[in-house]
C-alpha atoms as a PDB file:
ATOM      1  CA  MET A   1      11.632  17.469 -21.101  1.00  0.00           C
ATOM      2  CA  ALA A   2      11.362  14.575 -18.712  1.00  0.00           C
ATOM      3  CA  ARG A   3       8.468  14.823 -16.299  1.00  0.00           C
ATOM      4  CA  GLY A   4      10.457  12.099 -13.914  1.00  0.00           C
ATOM      5  CA  LEU A   5       9.686   8.793 -12.359  1.00  0.00           C
ATOM      6  CA  ASN A   6       8.089   7.556  -9.291  1.00  0.00           C
ATOM      7  CA  LYS A   7       7.399   3.610  -9.336  1.00  0.00           C
ATOM      8  CA  VAL A   8       7.466   1.224  -7.285  1.00  0.00           C
ATOM      9  CA  MET A   9       7.195  -2.492  -7.578  1.00  0.00           C
ATOM     10  CA  LEU A  10       6.979  -4.269  -4.266  1.00  0.00           C
ATOM     11  CA  ILE A  11       6.231  -8.380  -3.670  1.00  0.00           C
ATOM     12  CA  GLY A  12       6.598  -9.482  -0.123  1.00  0.00           C
ATOM     13  CA  ARG A  13       3.188 -10.819   2.853  1.00  0.00           C
ATOM     14  CA  LEU A  14       0.680  -8.529   4.604  1.00  0.00           C
ATOM     15  CA  GLY A  15       1.723  -8.115   8.302  1.00  0.00           C
ATOM     16  CA  ALA A  16      -2.054  -7.478   8.786  1.00  0.00           C
ATOM     17  CA  ASP A  17      -5.265  -8.077   7.238  1.00  0.00           C
ATOM     18  CA  PRO A  18      -5.941  -4.174   5.402  1.00  0.00           C
ATOM     19  CA  GLU A  19      -7.709  -1.820   7.422  1.00  0.00           C
ATOM     20  CA  ILE A  20     -10.597  -0.184   5.166  1.00  0.00           C
ATOM     21  CA  ARG A  21     -12.150   3.073   5.557  1.00  0.00           C
ATOM     22  CA  TYR A  22     -14.307   5.737   3.405  1.00  0.00           C
ATOM     23  CA  THR A  23     -13.709   9.506   2.724  1.00  0.00           C
ATOM     24  CA  GLN A  24     -16.671  11.809   3.872  1.00  0.00           C
ATOM     25  CA  SER A  25     -17.496  11.352  -0.045  1.00  0.00           C
ATOM     26  CA  GLY A  26     -17.967   7.572  -0.377  1.00  0.00           C
ATOM     27  CA  THR A  27     -14.376   6.855  -1.548  1.00  0.00           C
ATOM     28  CA  ALA A  28     -12.830   3.598  -0.144  1.00  0.00           C
ATOM     29  CA  VAL A  29      -9.211   3.548   1.243  1.00  0.00           C
ATOM     30  CA  ALA A  30      -7.411   0.952   2.631  1.00  0.00           C
ATOM     31  CA  ASN A  31      -4.396   0.552   4.438  1.00  0.00           C
ATOM     32  CA  PHE A  32      -1.503  -2.139   4.844  1.00  0.00           C
ATOM     33  CA  ASN A  33       2.033  -3.321   5.867  1.00  0.00           C
ATOM     34  CA  LEU A  34       3.272  -5.111   3.750  1.00  0.00           C
ATOM     35  CA  ALA A  35       7.046  -6.835   4.761  1.00  0.00           C
ATOM     36  CA  THR A  36       9.992  -7.481   1.832  1.00  0.00           C
ATOM     37  CA  ASN A  37      13.003  -9.469   2.745  1.00  0.00           C
ATOM     38  CA  HIS A  38      16.353  -9.210   1.379  1.00  0.00           C
ATOM     39  CA  GLY A  39      20.076 -10.194   2.136  1.00  0.00           C
ATOM     40  CA  VAL A  40      22.401  -8.352   4.911  1.00  0.00           C
ATOM     41  CA  LYS A  41      25.952  -9.729   4.675  1.00  0.00           C
ATOM     42  CA  LYS A  42      27.373 -10.048   8.457  1.00  0.00           C
ATOM     43  CA  GLY A  43      30.898 -11.211   8.488  1.00  0.00           C
ATOM     44  CA  ASP A  44      31.297 -14.201   6.567  1.00  0.00           C
ATOM     45  CA  GLN A  45      27.281 -14.986   7.099  1.00  0.00           C
ATOM     46  CA  TRP A  46      24.489 -13.785   5.187  1.00  0.00           C
ATOM     47  CA  GLU A  47      20.910 -12.893   7.026  1.00  0.00           C
ATOM     48  CA  GLU A  48      17.580 -12.393   6.181  1.00  0.00           C
ATOM     49  CA  ALA A  49      16.161  -8.369   7.065  1.00  0.00           C
ATOM     50  CA  THR A  50      13.005  -7.360   6.615  1.00  0.00           C
ATOM     51  CA  GLU A  51      11.367  -4.119   5.668  1.00  0.00           C
ATOM     52  CA  TRP A  52       8.221  -2.743   6.075  1.00  0.00           C
ATOM     53  CA  HIS A  53       6.459  -1.041   3.528  1.00  0.00           C
ATOM     54  CA  ARG A  54       3.029   0.922   4.020  1.00  0.00           C
ATOM     55  CA  VAL A  55       0.449   0.552   0.939  1.00  0.00           C
ATOM     56  CA  VAL A  56      -2.481   2.292   0.009  1.00  0.00           C
ATOM     57  CA  ALA A  57      -5.013   1.780  -2.115  1.00  0.00           C
ATOM     58  CA  TRP A  58      -8.315   3.600  -3.575  1.00  0.00           C
ATOM     59  CA  ASP A  59     -11.482   3.207  -4.668  1.00  0.00           C
ATOM     60  CA  ARG A  60     -12.255  -0.550  -5.921  1.00  0.00           C
ATOM     61  CA  LEU A  61      -8.788  -1.518  -5.463  1.00  0.00           C
ATOM     62  CA  ALA A  62      -9.315  -0.683  -1.637  1.00  0.00           C
ATOM     63  CA  GLU A  63     -12.654  -2.848  -1.875  1.00  0.00           C
ATOM     64  CA  ILE A  64     -10.920  -5.625  -3.447  1.00  0.00           C
ATOM     65  CA  CYS A  65      -8.233  -5.545  -0.908  1.00  0.00           C
ATOM     66  CA  ASN A  66     -10.336  -5.973   1.665  1.00  0.00           C
ATOM     67  CA  GLN A  67     -11.678  -8.535  -0.229  1.00  0.00           C
ATOM     68  CA  TYR A  68      -9.368 -11.178  -1.112  1.00  0.00           C
ATOM     69  CA  MET A  69      -6.611  -9.963   1.027  1.00  0.00           C
ATOM     70  CA  ASN A  70      -5.647 -10.721   4.860  1.00  0.00           C
ATOM     71  CA  LYS A  71      -2.515 -11.600   7.075  1.00  0.00           C
ATOM     72  CA  GLY A  72       0.110 -13.682   5.547  1.00  0.00           C
ATOM     73  CA  THR A  73      -1.266 -12.979   1.972  1.00  0.00           C
ATOM     74  CA  GLN A  74       2.000 -12.668  -0.618  1.00  0.00           C
ATOM     75  CA  VAL A  75       1.292  -9.403  -2.910  1.00  0.00           C
ATOM     76  CA  TYR A  76       3.123  -7.957  -6.229  1.00  0.00           C
ATOM     77  CA  VAL A  77       2.505  -4.314  -5.413  1.00  0.00           C
ATOM     78  CA  GLU A  78       3.102  -1.585  -8.104  1.00  0.00           C
ATOM     79  CA  GLY A  79       2.822   2.066  -7.734  1.00  0.00           C
ATOM     80  CA  ARG A  80       3.954   5.457  -6.479  1.00  0.00           C
ATOM     81  CA  LEU A  81       5.927   7.085  -3.528  1.00  0.00           C
ATOM     82  CA  GLN A  82       4.281   9.498  -2.022  1.00  0.00           C
ATOM     83  CA  THR A  83       5.015  11.470   1.740  1.00  0.00           C
ATOM     84  CA  ARG A  84       2.507  13.531   3.212  1.00  0.00           C
ATOM     85  CA  GLU A  85       2.364  15.790   6.059  1.00  0.00           C
ATOM     86  CA  TRP A  86      -0.382  16.314   9.350  1.00  0.00           C
ATOM     87  CA  GLN A  87      -0.447  17.524  12.765  1.00  0.00           C
ATOM     88  CA  ASP A  88      -1.361  14.668  15.087  1.00  0.00           C
ATOM     89  CA  ARG A  89      -3.511  15.214  18.356  1.00  0.00           C
ATOM     90  CA  ASP A  90      -1.010  16.401  20.344  1.00  0.00           C
ATOM     91  CA  GLY A  91      -0.213  19.876  17.453  1.00  0.00           C
ATOM     92  CA  ASN A  92       3.124  17.672  16.680  1.00  0.00           C
ATOM     93  CA  ARG A  93       4.314  17.592  12.791  1.00  0.00           C
ATOM     94  CA  ARG A  94       4.031  14.145  11.523  1.00  0.00           C
ATOM     95  CA  TRP A  95       5.281  12.546   8.314  1.00  0.00           C
ATOM     96  CA  THR A  96       5.147   9.513   7.132  1.00  0.00           C
ATOM     97  CA  THR A  97       5.912   8.241   3.227  1.00  0.00           C
ATOM     98  CA  GLU A  98       4.297   5.324   1.924  1.00  0.00           C
ATOM     99  CA  ILE A  99       3.223   3.309  -1.401  1.00  0.00           C
ATOM    100  CA  VAL A 100       0.308   4.353  -3.298  1.00  0.00           C
ATOM    101  CA  ALA A 101      -1.235   1.514  -5.051  1.00  0.00           C
ATOM    102  CA  ARG A 102      -2.086   1.661  -8.677  1.00  0.00           C
ATOM    103  CA  GLU A 103      -2.047  -2.820  -9.372  1.00  0.00           C
ATOM    104  CA  ILE A 104      -2.385  -5.179  -6.782  1.00  0.00           C
ATOM    105  CA  GLN A 105      -1.500  -9.192  -7.653  1.00  0.00           C
ATOM    106  CA  LEU A 106      -2.159 -11.737  -5.623  1.00  0.00           C
ATOM    107  CA  LEU A 107       0.306 -14.065  -5.840  1.00  0.00           C
ATOM    108  CA  GLY A 108      -1.393 -17.138  -4.088  1.00  0.00           C
ATOM    109  CA  GLY A 109      -0.691 -18.024  -0.300  1.00  0.00           C
ATOM    110  CA  ARG A 110      -2.250 -19.961   2.348  1.00  0.00           C
ATOM    111  CA  ASP A 111      -4.764 -21.031  -0.347  1.00  0.00           C
ATOM    112  CA  ASP A 112      -2.677 -21.338  -2.911  1.00  0.00           C
ATOM    113  CA  THR A 113      -5.306 -19.808  -5.400  1.00  0.00           C
ATOM    114  CA  ALA A 114      -4.409 -18.665  -9.174  1.00  0.00           C
ATOM    115  CA  PRO A 115      -2.847 -15.080  -9.000  1.00  0.00           C
ATOM    116  CA  ARG A 116      -5.645 -12.675  -9.266  1.00  0.00           C
ATOM    117  CA  ARG A 117      -4.760  -9.082 -10.702  1.00  0.00           C
ATOM    118  CA  ALA A 118      -6.673  -5.474  -9.701  1.00  0.00           C
ATOM    119  CA  SER A 119      -6.125  -2.437 -10.776  1.00  0.00           C
ATOM    120  CA  ASP A 120      -6.970   1.486  -9.763  1.00  0.00           C
ATOM    121  CA  ARG A 121      -7.279   2.111 -13.277  1.00  0.00           C
ATOM    122  CA  PRO A 122     -10.551   3.807 -13.969  1.00  0.00           C
ATOM    123  CA  GLU A 123     -13.084   1.993 -17.070  1.00  0.00           C
ATOM    124  CA  GLU A 124     -13.792   4.409 -19.596  1.00  0.00           C
ATOM    125  CA  GLY A 125     -16.474   7.725 -18.459  1.00  0.00           C
ATOM    126  CA  SER A 126     -15.633   6.906 -14.734  1.00  0.00           C
ATOM    127  CA  GLN A 127     -13.704   9.195 -12.521  1.00  0.00           C
ATOM    128  CA  SER A 128     -10.830   7.942 -10.177  1.00  0.00           C
ATOM    129  CA  ASN A 129      -9.992  10.123  -6.658  1.00  0.00           C
ATOM    130  CA  TYR A 130      -6.058   8.681  -7.596  1.00  0.00           C
ATOM    131  CA  ASP A 131      -4.695  11.818  -7.338  1.00  0.00           C
ATOM    132  CA  VAL A 132      -6.588  14.007  -5.172  1.00  0.00           C
ATOM    133  CA  PRO A 133      -4.221  15.510  -2.730  1.00  0.00           C
ATOM    134  CA  GLY A 134      -4.447  15.290   0.927  1.00  0.00           C
ATOM    135  CA  GLN A 135      -7.722  13.037   0.978  1.00  0.00           C
ATOM    136  CA  LEU A 136      -6.034  10.019   3.036  1.00  0.00           C
ATOM    137  CA  PRO A 137      -7.712  10.619   6.977  1.00  0.00           C
ATOM    138  CA  PRO A 138      -5.009  11.547   9.485  1.00  0.00           C
ATOM    139  CA  GLU A 139      -3.658   9.545  11.298  1.00  0.00           C
ATOM    140  CA  ASP A 140      -2.104  10.000  15.406  1.00  0.00           C
ATOM    141  CA  ASP A 141       0.792   7.287  15.104  1.00  0.00           C
ATOM    142  CA  VAL A 142       2.940   5.908  12.141  1.00  0.00           C
ATOM    143  CA  PRO A 143       2.288   1.882  12.887  1.00  0.00           C
ATOM    144  CA  PHE A 144       6.140   1.173  12.305  1.00  0.00           C
END
């Protein structure tokens, strides 16, 4: 029986510097917003529309994001969609859908460096908190 498929691949630019936090157990978590563009036909004209995607990276991948990426950096992100729910300070239920990054490749950009590749796939013998549910720190507001 097929298990299903949940895979996202994006190329876009960061809207701001990544934000990095650490869980109580010391696991790094980086969040950033990625802008992608696509064409939209309005009448006889094509216009460019922007979509914003919330991306989260864990462990060493989060640390690499924090170290090498900043606002305007063009990246390739591969991961899976995840929707999570929490209560804000006022007790309201909130939801957000985000991409949990599995691989990120820097595509150059401002400093025109050669593409670099980062992955959260653990080295042999190490552990990853990649699929531990509910580990993201709750946020009061969705940033978009």
